[in-house]
Amino acid sequence: MTFVLQAIETHVKKYCQKVYENSVVNLFWSIDNSLEVINAIKSKRNMVSDINTFKFSTLFTFLPLH
């Protein structure tokens, strides 16, 4: 499953790169480390108490099933 998701990501990146070259609109946003984003959100919004993130490589093995 990881291989399939990586192939999809590669395809979407290439597509978005072509869109950017033609229109200067960036359609692809991805982060490598979500900890910085989570900390920024929590520091700006006291209401956010529960944020979950999942890595594609471990998404299906560690996803809570309840």
C-alpha atoms as a PDB file:
ATOM      1  CA  MET A   1       0.000   0.000   0.000  1.00  0.00           C
ATOM      2  CA  THR A   2       2.872   2.359   0.770  1.00  0.00           C
ATOM      3  CA  PHE A   3       4.248   1.875  -2.743  1.00  0.00           C
ATOM      4  CA  VAL A   4       0.878   2.792  -4.265  1.00  0.00           C
ATOM      5  CA  LEU A   5       0.527   5.922  -2.140  1.00  0.00           C
ATOM      6  CA  GLN A   6       4.070   7.016  -2.994  1.00  0.00           C
ATOM      7  CA  ALA A   7       3.327   6.566  -6.699  1.00  0.00           C
ATOM      8  CA  ILE A   8       0.167   8.673  -6.350  1.00  0.00           C
ATOM      9  CA  GLU A   9       2.113  11.363  -4.488  1.00  0.00           C
ATOM     10  CA  THR A  10       4.761  11.444  -7.227  1.00  0.00           C
ATOM     11  CA  HIS A  11       2.092  11.784  -9.922  1.00  0.00           C
ATOM     12  CA  VAL A  12       0.287  14.570  -8.057  1.00  0.00           C
ATOM     13  CA  LYS A  13       3.587  16.427  -7.469  1.00  0.00           C
ATOM     14  CA  LYS A  14       4.429  16.295 -11.187  1.00  0.00           C
ATOM     15  CA  TYR A  15       0.949  17.445 -12.156  1.00  0.00           C
ATOM     16  CA  CYS A  16       1.041  20.324  -9.672  1.00  0.00           C
ATOM     17  CA  GLN A  17       4.516  21.329 -10.878  1.00  0.00           C
ATOM     18  CA  LYS A  18       3.189  21.655 -14.446  1.00  0.00           C
ATOM     19  CA  VAL A  19       0.228  23.692 -13.215  1.00  0.00           C
ATOM     20  CA  TYR A  20       2.641  25.953 -11.332  1.00  0.00           C
ATOM     21  CA  GLU A  21       4.866  26.388 -14.411  1.00  0.00           C
ATOM     22  CA  ASN A  22       1.862  27.453 -16.491  1.00  0.00           C
ATOM     23  CA  SER A  23      -0.095  29.542 -14.004  1.00  0.00           C
ATOM     24  CA  VAL A  24       2.179  30.318 -11.018  1.00  0.00           C
ATOM     25  CA  VAL A  25      -0.444  28.744  -8.750  1.00  0.00           C
ATOM     26  CA  ASN A  26       0.919  26.237  -6.256  1.00  0.00           C
ATOM     27  CA  LEU A  27      -1.605  23.441  -5.826  1.00  0.00           C
ATOM     28  CA  PHE A  28       0.697  21.111  -3.916  1.00  0.00           C
ATOM     29  CA  TRP A  29       1.273  21.612  -0.204  1.00  0.00           C
ATOM     30  CA  SER A  30       3.049  19.016   1.859  1.00  0.00           C
ATOM     31  CA  ILE A  31       4.920  19.027   5.148  1.00  0.00           C
ATOM     32  CA  ASP A  32       7.637  16.632   6.203  1.00  0.00           C
ATOM     33  CA  ASN A  33       7.335  17.190   9.916  1.00  0.00           C
ATOM     34  CA  SER A  34       3.947  18.063  11.322  1.00  0.00           C
ATOM     35  CA  LEU A  35       5.208  18.850  14.817  1.00  0.00           C
ATOM     36  CA  GLU A  36       5.973  22.486  13.916  1.00  0.00           C
ATOM     37  CA  VAL A  37       2.489  22.929  12.456  1.00  0.00           C
ATOM     38  CA  ILE A  38       0.804  21.326  15.452  1.00  0.00           C
ATOM     39  CA  ASN A  39       2.745  23.512  17.885  1.00  0.00           C
ATOM     40  CA  ALA A  40       1.890  26.655  15.905  1.00  0.00           C
ATOM     41  CA  ILE A  41      -1.814  25.771  15.854  1.00  0.00           C
ATOM     42  CA  LYS A  42      -1.885  24.953  19.559  1.00  0.00           C
ATOM     43  CA  SER A  43      -0.065  28.159  20.502  1.00  0.00           C
ATOM     44  CA  LYS A  44      -2.534  30.304  18.545  1.00  0.00           C
ATOM     45  CA  ARG A  45      -5.739  28.500  19.419  1.00  0.00           C
ATOM     46  CA  ASN A  46      -6.372  27.465  22.974  1.00  0.00           C
ATOM     47  CA  MET A  47      -9.496  25.653  21.810  1.00  0.00           C
ATOM     48  CA  VAL A  48      -7.529  23.014  19.897  1.00  0.00           C
ATOM     49  CA  SER A  49      -6.984  20.162  22.297  1.00  0.00           C
ATOM     50  CA  ASP A  50      -6.730  17.088  20.111  1.00  0.00           C
ATOM     51  CA  ILE A  51      -4.803  16.895  16.853  1.00  0.00           C
ATOM     52  CA  ASN A  52      -3.840  13.632  15.193  1.00  0.00           C
ATOM     53  CA  THR A  53      -1.367  13.080  12.396  1.00  0.00           C
ATOM     54  CA  PHE A  54      -0.402   9.909  10.585  1.00  0.00           C
ATOM     55  CA  LYS A  55       2.554   9.001   8.399  1.00  0.00           C
ATOM     56  CA  PHE A  56       1.701   7.209   5.180  1.00  0.00           C
ATOM     57  CA  SER A  57       4.315   4.564   5.899  1.00  0.00           C
ATOM     58  CA  THR A  58       2.636   3.625   9.190  1.00  0.00           C
ATOM     59  CA  LEU A  59      -0.916   4.796   8.550  1.00  0.00           C
ATOM     60  CA  PHE A  60      -2.484   1.372   8.229  1.00  0.00           C
ATOM     61  CA  THR A  61      -0.470  -0.397  10.900  1.00  0.00           C
ATOM     62  CA  PHE A  62      -0.935   2.131  13.698  1.00  0.00           C
ATOM     63  CA  LEU A  63      -4.326   3.631  12.866  1.00  0.00           C
ATOM     64  CA  PRO A  64      -6.676   3.311  15.836  1.00  0.00           C
ATOM     65  CA  LEU A  65      -9.398   0.906  14.798  1.00  0.00           C
ATOM     66  CA  HIS A  66     -11.991   1.633  17.483  1.00  0.00           C
END
